[in-house]
Amino acid sequence: MSELIGKKNYKEKLQGICCVEISGESCANCLTLMPVLQELCEQRDDVRLVHVEADYSTVEMMEEWEVEKVPTILLVDDGEIFARCSGFQPEEILELWMDAKIEERKALKK
């Protein structure tokens, strides 16, 4: 299950490697993508899924993260964005992208 964060607590919630799923309430692609991301993150023990609803209350976060459309997926390590993907992606592509980016990040930290 994903954890919902807002502008008040987002920096403290982004510890370790997180997959931040940014979506809009009425976005069909966002609704389709959410269960796919939940499943991908549940299969890994090294990433936590975090959900951010793109609305008036999160405008500052969206500007800081340079999010221009939903869905957007950010891979974040201790608050630092190290990969981004915008728009709907098929599950197979998303899994390959996520695996590659997380392993690349881990290799850089060694």
PDB file of N, CA and C in Angstrom:
ATOM      1  N   MET A   1       0.841  -1.178   0.000  1.00  0.00           N
ATOM      2  CA  MET A   1       0.000   0.000   0.000  1.00  0.00           C
ATOM      3  C   MET A   1       0.881   1.235   0.000  1.00  0.00           C
ATOM      4  N   SER A   2       0.452   2.262  -0.686  1.00  0.00           N
ATOM      5  CA  SER A   2       1.249   3.479  -0.750  1.00  0.00           C
ATOM      6  C   SER A   2       0.916   4.401   0.410  1.00  0.00           C
ATOM      7  N   GLU A   3       1.843   5.265   0.713  1.00  0.00           N
ATOM      8  CA  GLU A   3       1.688   6.229   1.784  1.00  0.00           C
ATOM      9  C   GLU A   3       1.426   7.592   1.160  1.00  0.00           C
ATOM     10  N   LEU A   4       0.387   8.273   1.603  1.00  0.00           N
ATOM     11  CA  LEU A   4       0.038   9.586   1.076  1.00  0.00           C
ATOM     12  C   LEU A   4       0.807  10.646   1.847  1.00  0.00           C
ATOM     13  N   ILE A   5       1.474  11.538   1.122  1.00  0.00           N
ATOM     14  CA  ILE A   5       2.173  12.627   1.791  1.00  0.00           C
ATOM     15  C   ILE A   5       1.675  13.956   1.258  1.00  0.00           C
ATOM     16  N   GLY A   6       1.849  14.982   2.067  1.00  0.00           N
ATOM     17  CA  GLY A   6       1.475  16.341   1.689  1.00  0.00           C
ATOM     18  C   GLY A   6       2.632  17.280   1.924  1.00  0.00           C
ATOM     19  N   LYS A   7       2.394  18.567   1.695  1.00  0.00           N
ATOM     20  CA  LYS A   7       3.498  19.521   1.743  1.00  0.00           C
ATOM     21  C   LYS A   7       4.084  19.690   3.134  1.00  0.00           C
ATOM     22  N   LYS A   8       3.330  19.399   4.181  1.00  0.00           N
ATOM     23  CA  LYS A   8       3.831  19.597   5.542  1.00  0.00           C
ATOM     24  C   LYS A   8       4.854  18.545   5.954  1.00  0.00           C
ATOM     25  N   ASN A   9       4.722  17.332   5.465  1.00  0.00           N
ATOM     26  CA  ASN A   9       5.579  16.257   5.963  1.00  0.00           C
ATOM     27  C   ASN A   9       6.414  15.575   4.888  1.00  0.00           C
ATOM     28  N   TYR A  10       6.435  16.120   3.684  1.00  0.00           N
ATOM     29  CA  TYR A  10       7.034  15.349   2.599  1.00  0.00           C
ATOM     30  C   TYR A  10       8.539  15.152   2.733  1.00  0.00           C
ATOM     31  N   LYS A  11       9.274  16.127   3.236  1.00  0.00           N
ATOM     32  CA  LYS A  11      10.729  15.950   3.321  1.00  0.00           C
ATOM     33  C   LYS A  11      11.114  14.867   4.314  1.00  0.00           C
ATOM     34  N   GLU A  12      10.437  14.804   5.430  1.00  0.00           N
ATOM     35  CA  GLU A  12      10.766  13.787   6.424  1.00  0.00           C
ATOM     36  C   GLU A  12      10.303  12.395   6.004  1.00  0.00           C
ATOM     37  N   LYS A  13       9.316  12.314   5.128  1.00  0.00           N
ATOM     38  CA  LYS A  13       8.799  11.027   4.675  1.00  0.00           C
ATOM     39  C   LYS A  13       9.630  10.417   3.548  1.00  0.00           C
ATOM     40  N   LEU A  14      10.507  11.190   2.927  1.00  0.00           N
ATOM     41  CA  LEU A  14      11.273  10.701   1.777  1.00  0.00           C
ATOM     42  C   LEU A  14      12.665  10.229   2.179  1.00  0.00           C
ATOM     43  N   GLN A  15      12.740   9.402   3.208  1.00  0.00           N
ATOM     44  CA  GLN A  15      14.002   8.840   3.660  1.00  0.00           C
ATOM     45  C   GLN A  15      14.225   7.490   2.994  1.00  0.00           C
ATOM     46  N   GLY A  16      15.470   7.220   2.607  1.00  0.00           N
ATOM     47  CA  GLY A  16      15.760   5.988   1.890  1.00  0.00           C
ATOM     48  C   GLY A  16      15.307   6.134   0.448  1.00  0.00           C
ATOM     49  N   ILE A  17      15.214   5.015  -0.265  1.00  0.00           N
ATOM     50  CA  ILE A  17      14.778   5.055  -1.658  1.00  0.00           C
ATOM     51  C   ILE A  17      13.260   4.950  -1.698  1.00  0.00           C
ATOM     52  N   CYS A  18      12.645   5.932  -2.337  1.00  0.00           N
ATOM     53  CA  CYS A  18      11.190   5.986  -2.462  1.00  0.00           C
ATOM     54  C   CYS A  18      10.807   6.135  -3.923  1.00  0.00           C
ATOM     55  N   CYS A  19       9.706   5.523  -4.262  1.00  0.00           N
ATOM     56  CA  CYS A  19       9.073   5.724  -5.559  1.00  0.00           C
ATOM     57  C   CYS A  19       7.892   6.649  -5.288  1.00  0.00           C
ATOM     58  N   VAL A  20       7.986   7.880  -5.782  1.00  0.00           N
ATOM     59  CA  VAL A  20       6.944   8.869  -5.542  1.00  0.00           C
ATOM     60  C   VAL A  20       6.024   8.895  -6.764  1.00  0.00           C
ATOM     61  N   GLU A  21       4.789   8.533  -6.541  1.00  0.00           N
ATOM     62  CA  GLU A  21       3.795   8.493  -7.600  1.00  0.00           C
ATOM     63  C   GLU A  21       2.934   9.741  -7.469  1.00  0.00           C
ATOM     64  N   ILE A  22       2.991  10.603  -8.478  1.00  0.00           N
ATOM     65  CA  ILE A  22       2.240  11.852  -8.458  1.00  0.00           C
ATOM     66  C   ILE A  22       1.096  11.720  -9.447  1.00  0.00           C
ATOM     67  N   SER A  23      -0.113  11.890  -8.945  1.00  0.00           N
ATOM     68  CA  SER A  23      -1.273  11.690  -9.808  1.00  0.00           C
ATOM     69  C   SER A  23      -2.349  12.725  -9.547  1.00  0.00           C
ATOM     70  N   GLY A  24      -3.272  12.778 -10.471  1.00  0.00           N
ATOM     71  CA  GLY A  24      -4.420  13.655 -10.348  1.00  0.00           C
ATOM     72  C   GLY A  24      -5.667  12.834 -10.090  1.00  0.00           C
ATOM     73  N   GLU A  25      -6.588  13.408  -9.373  1.00  0.00           N
ATOM     74  CA  GLU A  25      -7.796  12.700  -8.941  1.00  0.00           C
ATOM     75  C   GLU A  25      -8.616  12.140 -10.096  1.00  0.00           C
ATOM     76  N   SER A  26      -8.727  12.882 -11.184  1.00  0.00           N
ATOM     77  CA  SER A  26      -9.577  12.428 -12.294  1.00  0.00           C
ATOM     78  C   SER A  26      -8.764  11.944 -13.496  1.00  0.00           C
ATOM     79  N   CYS A  27      -7.527  11.589 -13.278  1.00  0.00           N
ATOM     80  CA  CYS A  27      -6.637  11.143 -14.351  1.00  0.00           C
ATOM     81  C   CYS A  27      -6.766   9.622 -14.527  1.00  0.00           C
ATOM     82  N   ALA A  28      -7.298   9.198 -15.665  1.00  0.00           N
ATOM     83  CA  ALA A  28      -7.491   7.767 -15.925  1.00  0.00           C
ATOM     84  C   ALA A  28      -6.166   7.009 -15.948  1.00  0.00           C
ATOM     85  N   ASN A  29      -5.137   7.594 -16.569  1.00  0.00           N
ATOM     86  CA  ASN A  29      -3.831   6.933 -16.606  1.00  0.00           C
ATOM     87  C   ASN A  29      -3.245   6.786 -15.207  1.00  0.00           C
ATOM     88  N   CYS A  30      -3.465   7.777 -14.358  1.00  0.00           N
ATOM     89  CA  CYS A  30      -2.974   7.711 -12.981  1.00  0.00           C
ATOM     90  C   CYS A  30      -3.634   6.559 -12.228  1.00  0.00           C
ATOM     91  N   LEU A  31      -4.944   6.433 -12.382  1.00  0.00           N
ATOM     92  CA  LEU A  31      -5.687   5.373 -11.702  1.00  0.00           C
ATOM     93  C   LEU A  31      -5.261   3.993 -12.199  1.00  0.00           C
ATOM     94  N   THR A  32      -4.927   3.891 -13.474  1.00  0.00           N
ATOM     95  CA  THR A  32      -4.470   2.625 -14.045  1.00  0.00           C
ATOM     96  C   THR A  32      -3.062   2.285 -13.559  1.00  0.00           C
ATOM     97  N   LEU A  33      -2.236   3.300 -13.422  1.00  0.00           N
ATOM     98  CA  LEU A  33      -0.838   3.101 -13.049  1.00  0.00           C
ATOM     99  C   LEU A  33      -0.648   2.748 -11.568  1.00  0.00           C
ATOM    100  N   MET A  34      -1.514   3.275 -10.706  1.00  0.00           N
ATOM    101  CA  MET A  34      -1.338   3.099  -9.268  1.00  0.00           C
ATOM    102  C   MET A  34      -1.206   1.638  -8.823  1.00  0.00           C
ATOM    103  N   PRO A  35      -2.108   0.726  -9.220  1.00  0.00           N
ATOM    104  CA  PRO A  35      -1.944  -0.666  -8.771  1.00  0.00           C
ATOM    105  C   PRO A  35      -0.691  -1.330  -9.350  1.00  0.00           C
ATOM    106  N   VAL A  36      -0.285  -0.926 -10.538  1.00  0.00           N
ATOM    107  CA  VAL A  36       0.932  -1.468 -11.145  1.00  0.00           C
ATOM    108  C   VAL A  36       2.138  -1.077 -10.296  1.00  0.00           C
ATOM    109  N   LEU A  37       2.205   0.185  -9.922  1.00  0.00           N
ATOM    110  CA  LEU A  37       3.313   0.648  -9.080  1.00  0.00           C
ATOM    111  C   LEU A  37       3.294  -0.025  -7.708  1.00  0.00           C
ATOM    112  N   GLN A  38       2.099  -0.193  -7.150  1.00  0.00           N
ATOM    113  CA  GLN A  38       2.004  -0.864  -5.852  1.00  0.00           C
ATOM    114  C   GLN A  38       2.582  -2.272  -5.927  1.00  0.00           C
ATOM    115  N   GLU A  39       2.237  -2.984  -6.979  1.00  0.00           N
ATOM    116  CA  GLU A  39       2.736  -4.350  -7.134  1.00  0.00           C
ATOM    117  C   GLU A  39       4.251  -4.369  -7.331  1.00  0.00           C
ATOM    118  N   LEU A  40       4.769  -3.467  -8.176  1.00  0.00           N
ATOM    119  CA  LEU A  40       6.214  -3.421  -8.416  1.00  0.00           C
ATOM    120  C   LEU A  40       6.977  -3.104  -7.136  1.00  0.00           C
ATOM    121  N   CYS A  41       6.478  -2.179  -6.353  1.00  0.00           N
ATOM    122  CA  CYS A  41       7.171  -1.796  -5.118  1.00  0.00           C
ATOM    123  C   CYS A  41       7.050  -2.872  -4.045  1.00  0.00           C
ATOM    124  N   GLU A  42       5.928  -3.586  -4.023  1.00  0.00           N
ATOM    125  CA  GLU A  42       5.766  -4.683  -3.061  1.00  0.00           C
ATOM    126  C   GLU A  42       6.721  -5.829  -3.351  1.00  0.00           C
ATOM    127  N   GLN A  43       7.130  -5.990  -4.609  1.00  0.00           N
ATOM    128  CA  GLN A  43       8.055  -7.052  -4.991  1.00  0.00           C
ATOM    129  C   GLN A  43       9.492  -6.749  -4.566  1.00  0.00           C
ATOM    130  N   ARG A  44       9.750  -5.494  -4.214  1.00  0.00           N
ATOM    131  CA  ARG A  44      11.103  -5.082  -3.829  1.00  0.00           C
ATOM    132  C   ARG A  44      11.130  -4.779  -2.338  1.00  0.00           C
ATOM    133  N   ASP A  45      12.258  -5.060  -1.702  1.00  0.00           N
ATOM    134  CA  ASP A  45      12.377  -4.709  -0.287  1.00  0.00           C
ATOM    135  C   ASP A  45      13.258  -3.475  -0.089  1.00  0.00           C
ATOM    136  N   ASP A  46      13.645  -2.845  -1.188  1.00  0.00           N
ATOM    137  CA  ASP A  46      14.565  -1.711  -1.101  1.00  0.00           C
ATOM    138  C   ASP A  46      13.935  -0.392  -1.548  1.00  0.00           C
ATOM    139  N   VAL A  47      12.621  -0.384  -1.761  1.00  0.00           N
ATOM    140  CA  VAL A  47      11.958   0.845  -2.203  1.00  0.00           C
ATOM    141  C   VAL A  47      10.572   0.920  -1.560  1.00  0.00           C
ATOM    142  N   ARG A  48      10.176   2.119  -1.194  1.00  0.00           N
ATOM    143  CA  ARG A  48       8.880   2.358  -0.584  1.00  0.00           C
ATOM    144  C   ARG A  48       8.062   3.243  -1.520  1.00  0.00           C
ATOM    145  N   LEU A  49       6.797   2.916  -1.699  1.00  0.00           N
ATOM    146  CA  LEU A  49       5.911   3.691  -2.570  1.00  0.00           C
ATOM    147  C   LEU A  49       5.253   4.810  -1.776  1.00  0.00           C
ATOM    148  N   VAL A  50       5.326   6.016  -2.323  1.00  0.00           N
ATOM    149  CA  VAL A  50       4.723   7.191  -1.704  1.00  0.00           C
ATOM    150  C   VAL A  50       3.825   7.845  -2.746  1.00  0.00           C
ATOM    151  N   HIS A  51       2.633   8.253  -2.337  1.00  0.00           N
ATOM    152  CA  HIS A  51       1.669   8.868  -3.258  1.00  0.00           C
ATOM    153  C   HIS A  51       1.517  10.354  -2.936  1.00  0.00           C
ATOM    154  N   VAL A  52       1.515  11.174  -3.984  1.00  0.00           N
ATOM    155  CA  VAL A  52       1.248  12.604  -3.851  1.00  0.00           C
ATOM    156  C   VAL A  52       0.121  12.947  -4.813  1.00  0.00           C
ATOM    157  N   GLU A  53      -0.910  13.540  -4.285  1.00  0.00           N
ATOM    158  CA  GLU A  53      -2.035  13.990  -5.107  1.00  0.00           C
ATOM    159  C   GLU A  53      -1.716  15.392  -5.609  1.00  0.00           C
ATOM    160  N   ALA A  54      -1.697  15.565  -6.916  1.00  0.00           N
ATOM    161  CA  ALA A  54      -1.415  16.875  -7.512  1.00  0.00           C
ATOM    162  C   ALA A  54      -2.687  17.718  -7.442  1.00  0.00           C
ATOM    163  N   ASP A  55      -2.707  18.669  -6.516  1.00  0.00           N
ATOM    164  CA  ASP A  55      -3.853  19.565  -6.384  1.00  0.00           C
ATOM    165  C   ASP A  55      -3.375  20.898  -5.820  1.00  0.00           C
ATOM    166  N   TYR A  56      -4.310  21.758  -5.498  1.00  0.00           N
ATOM    167  CA  TYR A  56      -3.941  23.098  -5.024  1.00  0.00           C
ATOM    168  C   TYR A  56      -3.060  23.061  -3.778  1.00  0.00           C
ATOM    169  N   SER A  57      -3.187  22.045  -2.951  1.00  0.00           N
ATOM    170  CA  SER A  57      -2.416  21.989  -1.704  1.00  0.00           C
ATOM    171  C   SER A  57      -0.967  21.538  -1.918  1.00  0.00           C
ATOM    172  N   THR A  58      -0.663  21.008  -3.109  1.00  0.00           N
ATOM    173  CA  THR A  58       0.699  20.512  -3.365  1.00  0.00           C
ATOM    174  C   THR A  58       1.392  21.270  -4.499  1.00  0.00           C
ATOM    175  N   VAL A  59       0.883  22.431  -4.848  1.00  0.00           N
ATOM    176  CA  VAL A  59       1.446  23.222  -5.949  1.00  0.00           C
ATOM    177  C   VAL A  59       2.928  23.522  -5.715  1.00  0.00           C
ATOM    178  N   GLU A  60       3.305  23.895  -4.494  1.00  0.00           N
ATOM    179  CA  GLU A  60       4.712  24.201  -4.194  1.00  0.00           C
ATOM    180  C   GLU A  60       5.603  22.991  -4.427  1.00  0.00           C
ATOM    181  N   MET A  61       5.154  21.826  -4.013  1.00  0.00           N
ATOM    182  CA  MET A  61       5.928  20.601  -4.238  1.00  0.00           C
ATOM    183  C   MET A  61       6.079  20.338  -5.728  1.00  0.00           C
ATOM    184  N   MET A  62       4.999  20.496  -6.473  1.00  0.00           N
ATOM    185  CA  MET A  62       5.033  20.244  -7.917  1.00  0.00           C
ATOM    186  C   MET A  62       6.012  21.198  -8.604  1.00  0.00           C
ATOM    187  N   GLU A  63       6.025  22.447  -8.185  1.00  0.00           N
ATOM    188  CA  GLU A  63       6.966  23.414  -8.760  1.00  0.00           C
ATOM    189  C   GLU A  63       8.401  23.066  -8.383  1.00  0.00           C
ATOM    190  N   GLU A  64       8.631  22.729  -7.128  1.00  0.00           N
ATOM    191  CA  GLU A  64       9.980  22.361  -6.672  1.00  0.00           C
ATOM    192  C   GLU A  64      10.500  21.140  -7.430  1.00  0.00           C
ATOM    193  N   TRP A  65       9.625  20.182  -7.681  1.00  0.00           N
ATOM    194  CA  TRP A  65      10.013  18.947  -8.356  1.00  0.00           C
ATOM    195  C   TRP A  65       9.902  19.052  -9.872  1.00  0.00           C
ATOM    196  N   GLU A  66       9.476  20.196 -10.370  1.00  0.00           N
ATOM    197  CA  GLU A  66       9.324  20.432 -11.811  1.00  0.00           C
ATOM    198  C   GLU A  66       8.407  19.412 -12.471  1.00  0.00           C
ATOM    199  N   VAL A  67       7.293  19.146 -11.816  1.00  0.00           N
ATOM    200  CA  VAL A  67       6.282  18.236 -12.352  1.00  0.00           C
ATOM    201  C   VAL A  67       5.341  19.049 -13.228  1.00  0.00           C
ATOM    202  N   GLU A  68       5.255  18.664 -14.489  1.00  0.00           N
ATOM    203  CA  GLU A  68       4.424  19.397 -15.439  1.00  0.00           C
ATOM    204  C   GLU A  68       3.176  18.648 -15.849  1.00  0.00           C
ATOM    205  N   LYS A  69       3.157  17.328 -15.648  1.00  0.00           N
ATOM    206  CA  LYS A  69       1.965  16.554 -15.990  1.00  0.00           C
ATOM    207  C   LYS A  69       1.882  15.334 -15.096  1.00  0.00           C
ATOM    208  N   VAL A  70       0.681  14.762 -15.074  1.00  0.00           N
ATOM    209  CA  VAL A  70       0.464  13.537 -14.315  1.00  0.00           C
ATOM    210  C   VAL A  70       0.041  12.445 -15.283  1.00  0.00           C
ATOM    211  N   PRO A  71       0.365  11.215 -15.009  1.00  0.00           N
ATOM    212  CA  PRO A  71       1.167  10.780 -13.873  1.00  0.00           C
ATOM    213  C   PRO A  71       2.654  11.062 -14.075  1.00  0.00           C
ATOM    214  N   THR A  72       3.328  11.332 -12.973  1.00  0.00           N
ATOM    215  CA  THR A  72       4.784  11.438 -12.953  1.00  0.00           C
ATOM    216  C   THR A  72       5.288  10.541 -11.838  1.00  0.00           C
ATOM    217  N   ILE A  73       6.341   9.813 -12.120  1.00  0.00           N
ATOM    218  CA  ILE A  73       6.973   8.949 -11.126  1.00  0.00           C
ATOM    219  C   ILE A  73       8.371   9.478 -10.885  1.00  0.00           C
ATOM    220  N   LEU A  74       8.682   9.700  -9.616  1.00  0.00           N
ATOM    221  CA  LEU A  74      10.019  10.144  -9.221  1.00  0.00           C
ATOM    222  C   LEU A  74      10.650   9.052  -8.381  1.00  0.00           C
ATOM    223  N   LEU A  75      11.895   8.747  -8.649  1.00  0.00           N
ATOM    224  CA  LEU A  75      12.669   7.897  -7.752  1.00  0.00           C
ATOM    225  C   LEU A  75      13.539   8.834  -6.936  1.00  0.00           C
ATOM    226  N   VAL A  76      13.411   8.707  -5.624  1.00  0.00           N
ATOM    227  CA  VAL A  76      14.032   9.650  -4.706  1.00  0.00           C
ATOM    228  C   VAL A  76      14.861   8.873  -3.692  1.00  0.00           C
ATOM    229  N   ASP A  77      16.036   9.396  -3.375  1.00  0.00           N
ATOM    230  CA  ASP A  77      16.899   8.789  -2.363  1.00  0.00           C
ATOM    231  C   ASP A  77      17.217   9.858  -1.326  1.00  0.00           C
ATOM    232  N   ASP A  78      16.702   9.678  -0.122  1.00  0.00           N
ATOM    233  CA  ASP A  78      16.852  10.653   0.963  1.00  0.00           C
ATOM    234  C   ASP A  78      16.505  12.068   0.493  1.00  0.00           C
ATOM    235  N   GLY A  79      15.403  12.178  -0.229  1.00  0.00           N
ATOM    236  CA  GLY A  79      14.907  13.478  -0.669  1.00  0.00           C
ATOM    237  C   GLY A  79      15.466  13.975  -1.983  1.00  0.00           C
ATOM    238  N   GLU A  80      16.478  13.315  -2.514  1.00  0.00           N
ATOM    239  CA  GLU A  80      17.099  13.745  -3.778  1.00  0.00           C
ATOM    240  C   GLU A  80      16.527  12.936  -4.943  1.00  0.00           C
ATOM    241  N   ILE A  81      15.966  13.635  -5.920  1.00  0.00           N
ATOM    242  CA  ILE A  81      15.421  12.974  -7.102  1.00  0.00           C
ATOM    243  C   ILE A  81      16.574  12.471  -7.963  1.00  0.00           C
ATOM    244  N   PHE A  82      16.556  11.164  -8.284  1.00  0.00           N
ATOM    245  CA  PHE A  82      17.612  10.633  -9.146  1.00  0.00           C
ATOM    246  C   PHE A  82      17.067  10.055 -10.448  1.00  0.00           C
ATOM    247  N   ALA A  83      15.755   9.977 -10.584  1.00  0.00           N
ATOM    248  CA  ALA A  83      15.165   9.528 -11.853  1.00  0.00           C
ATOM    249  C   ALA A  83      13.718   9.990 -11.915  1.00  0.00           C
ATOM    250  N   ARG A  84      13.251  10.236 -13.147  1.00  0.00           N
ATOM    251  CA  ARG A  84      11.857  10.652 -13.338  1.00  0.00           C
ATOM    252  C   ARG A  84      11.296  10.048 -14.608  1.00  0.00           C
ATOM    253  N   CYS A  85      10.006   9.800 -14.563  1.00  0.00           N
ATOM    254  CA  CYS A  85       9.289   9.226 -15.696  1.00  0.00           C
ATOM    255  C   CYS A  85       7.912   9.883 -15.712  1.00  0.00           C
ATOM    256  N   SER A  86       7.537  10.435 -16.848  1.00  0.00           N
ATOM    257  CA  SER A  86       6.238  11.100 -16.956  1.00  0.00           C
ATOM    258  C   SER A  86       5.351  10.391 -17.962  1.00  0.00           C
ATOM    259  N   GLY A  87       4.072  10.385 -17.675  1.00  0.00           N
ATOM    260  CA  GLY A  87       3.115   9.751 -18.565  1.00  0.00           C
ATOM    261  C   GLY A  87       2.957   8.279 -18.247  1.00  0.00           C
ATOM    262  N   PHE A  88       1.934   7.697 -18.804  1.00  0.00           N
ATOM    263  CA  PHE A  88       1.657   6.281 -18.580  1.00  0.00           C
ATOM    264  C   PHE A  88       2.707   5.413 -19.262  1.00  0.00           C
ATOM    265  N   GLN A  89       3.159   4.392 -18.560  1.00  0.00           N
ATOM    266  CA  GLN A  89       4.126   3.431 -19.100  1.00  0.00           C
ATOM    267  C   GLN A  89       3.590   2.023 -18.887  1.00  0.00           C
ATOM    268  N   PRO A  90       3.777   1.136 -19.850  1.00  0.00           N
ATOM    269  CA  PRO A  90       3.376  -0.265 -19.648  1.00  0.00           C
ATOM    270  C   PRO A  90       4.169  -0.877 -18.488  1.00  0.00           C
ATOM    271  N   GLU A  91       3.582  -1.848 -17.833  1.00  0.00           N
ATOM    272  CA  GLU A  91       4.192  -2.460 -16.649  1.00  0.00           C
ATOM    273  C   GLU A  91       5.604  -2.977 -16.927  1.00  0.00           C
ATOM    274  N   GLU A  92       5.807  -3.649 -18.055  1.00  0.00           N
ATOM    275  CA  GLU A  92       7.120  -4.234 -18.359  1.00  0.00           C
ATOM    276  C   GLU A  92       8.196  -3.142 -18.483  1.00  0.00           C
ATOM    277  N   ILE A  93       7.846  -2.055 -19.154  1.00  0.00           N
ATOM    278  CA  ILE A  93       8.788  -0.944 -19.334  1.00  0.00           C
ATOM    279  C   ILE A  93       9.070  -0.278 -18.001  1.00  0.00           C
ATOM    280  N   LEU A  94       8.034  -0.070 -17.220  1.00  0.00           N
ATOM    281  CA  LEU A  94       8.175   0.566 -15.915  1.00  0.00           C
ATOM    282  C   LEU A  94       9.063  -0.257 -14.995  1.00  0.00           C
ATOM    283  N   GLU A  95       8.884  -1.565 -15.012  1.00  0.00           N
ATOM    284  CA  GLU A  95       9.690  -2.448 -14.171  1.00  0.00           C
ATOM    285  C   GLU A  95      11.163  -2.406 -14.584  1.00  0.00           C
ATOM    286  N   LEU A  96      11.425  -2.470 -15.884  1.00  0.00           N
ATOM    287  CA  LEU A  96      12.807  -2.394 -16.367  1.00  0.00           C
ATOM    288  C   LEU A  96      13.441  -1.057 -15.996  1.00  0.00           C
ATOM    289  N   TRP A  97      12.691   0.026 -16.186  1.00  0.00           N
ATOM    290  CA  TRP A  97      13.194   1.368 -15.857  1.00  0.00           C
ATOM    291  C   TRP A  97      13.514   1.474 -14.371  1.00  0.00           C
ATOM    292  N   MET A  98      12.571   1.049 -13.532  1.00  0.00           N
ATOM    293  CA  MET A  98      12.758   1.146 -12.085  1.00  0.00           C
ATOM    294  C   MET A  98      13.953   0.306 -11.622  1.00  0.00           C
ATOM    295  N   ASP A  99      14.033  -0.925 -12.084  1.00  0.00           N
ATOM    296  CA  ASP A  99      15.150  -1.805 -11.704  1.00  0.00           C
ATOM    297  C   ASP A  99      16.490  -1.186 -12.094  1.00  0.00           C
ATOM    298  N   ALA A 100      16.580  -0.700 -13.327  1.00  0.00           N
ATOM    299  CA  ALA A 100      17.837  -0.134 -13.822  1.00  0.00           C
ATOM    300  C   ALA A 100      18.238   1.108 -13.025  1.00  0.00           C
ATOM    301  N   LYS A 101      17.297   1.996 -12.776  1.00  0.00           N
ATOM    302  CA  LYS A 101      17.614   3.246 -12.074  1.00  0.00           C
ATOM    303  C   LYS A 101      17.989   3.014 -10.616  1.00  0.00           C
ATOM    304  N   ILE A 102      17.297   2.088  -9.956  1.00  0.00           N
ATOM    305  CA  ILE A 102      17.613   1.810  -8.549  1.00  0.00           C
ATOM    306  C   ILE A 102      18.973   1.131  -8.432  1.00  0.00           C
ATOM    307  N   GLU A 103      19.251   0.181  -9.315  1.00  0.00           N
ATOM    308  CA  GLU A 103      20.561  -0.495  -9.271  1.00  0.00           C
ATOM    309  C   GLU A 103      21.684   0.490  -9.614  1.00  0.00           C
ATOM    310  N   GLU A 104      21.447   1.375 -10.552  1.00  0.00           N
ATOM    311  CA  GLU A 104      22.425   2.404 -10.910  1.00  0.00           C
ATOM    312  C   GLU A 104      22.711   3.310  -9.703  1.00  0.00           C
ATOM    313  N   ARG A 105      21.667   3.685  -9.002  1.00  0.00           N
ATOM    314  CA  ARG A 105      21.820   4.547  -7.818  1.00  0.00           C
ATOM    315  C   ARG A 105      22.611   3.834  -6.726  1.00  0.00           C
ATOM    316  N   LYS A 106      22.293   2.578  -6.494  1.00  0.00           N
ATOM    317  CA  LYS A 106      23.007   1.795  -5.469  1.00  0.00           C
ATOM    318  C   LYS A 106      24.484   1.674  -5.826  1.00  0.00           C
ATOM    319  N   ALA A 107      24.798   1.472  -7.103  1.00  0.00           N
ATOM    320  CA  ALA A 107      26.192   1.344  -7.543  1.00  0.00           C
ATOM    321  C   ALA A 107      26.959   2.651  -7.316  1.00  0.00           C
ATOM    322  N   LEU A 108      26.291   3.774  -7.506  1.00  0.00           N
ATOM    323  CA  LEU A 108      26.943   5.072  -7.281  1.00  0.00           C
ATOM    324  C   LEU A 108      27.246   5.318  -5.810  1.00  0.00           C
ATOM    325  N   LYS A 109      26.427   4.746  -4.920  1.00  0.00           N
ATOM    326  CA  LYS A 109      26.603   4.966  -3.481  1.00  0.00           C
ATOM    327  C   LYS A 109      27.690   4.082  -2.875  1.00  0.00           C
ATOM    328  N   LYS A 110      28.143   3.081  -3.632  1.00  0.00           N
ATOM    329  CA  LYS A 110      29.164   2.166  -3.086  1.00  0.00           C
ATOM    330  C   LYS A 110      30.504   2.835  -3.024  1.00  0.00           C
TER     331      LYS A 110
END
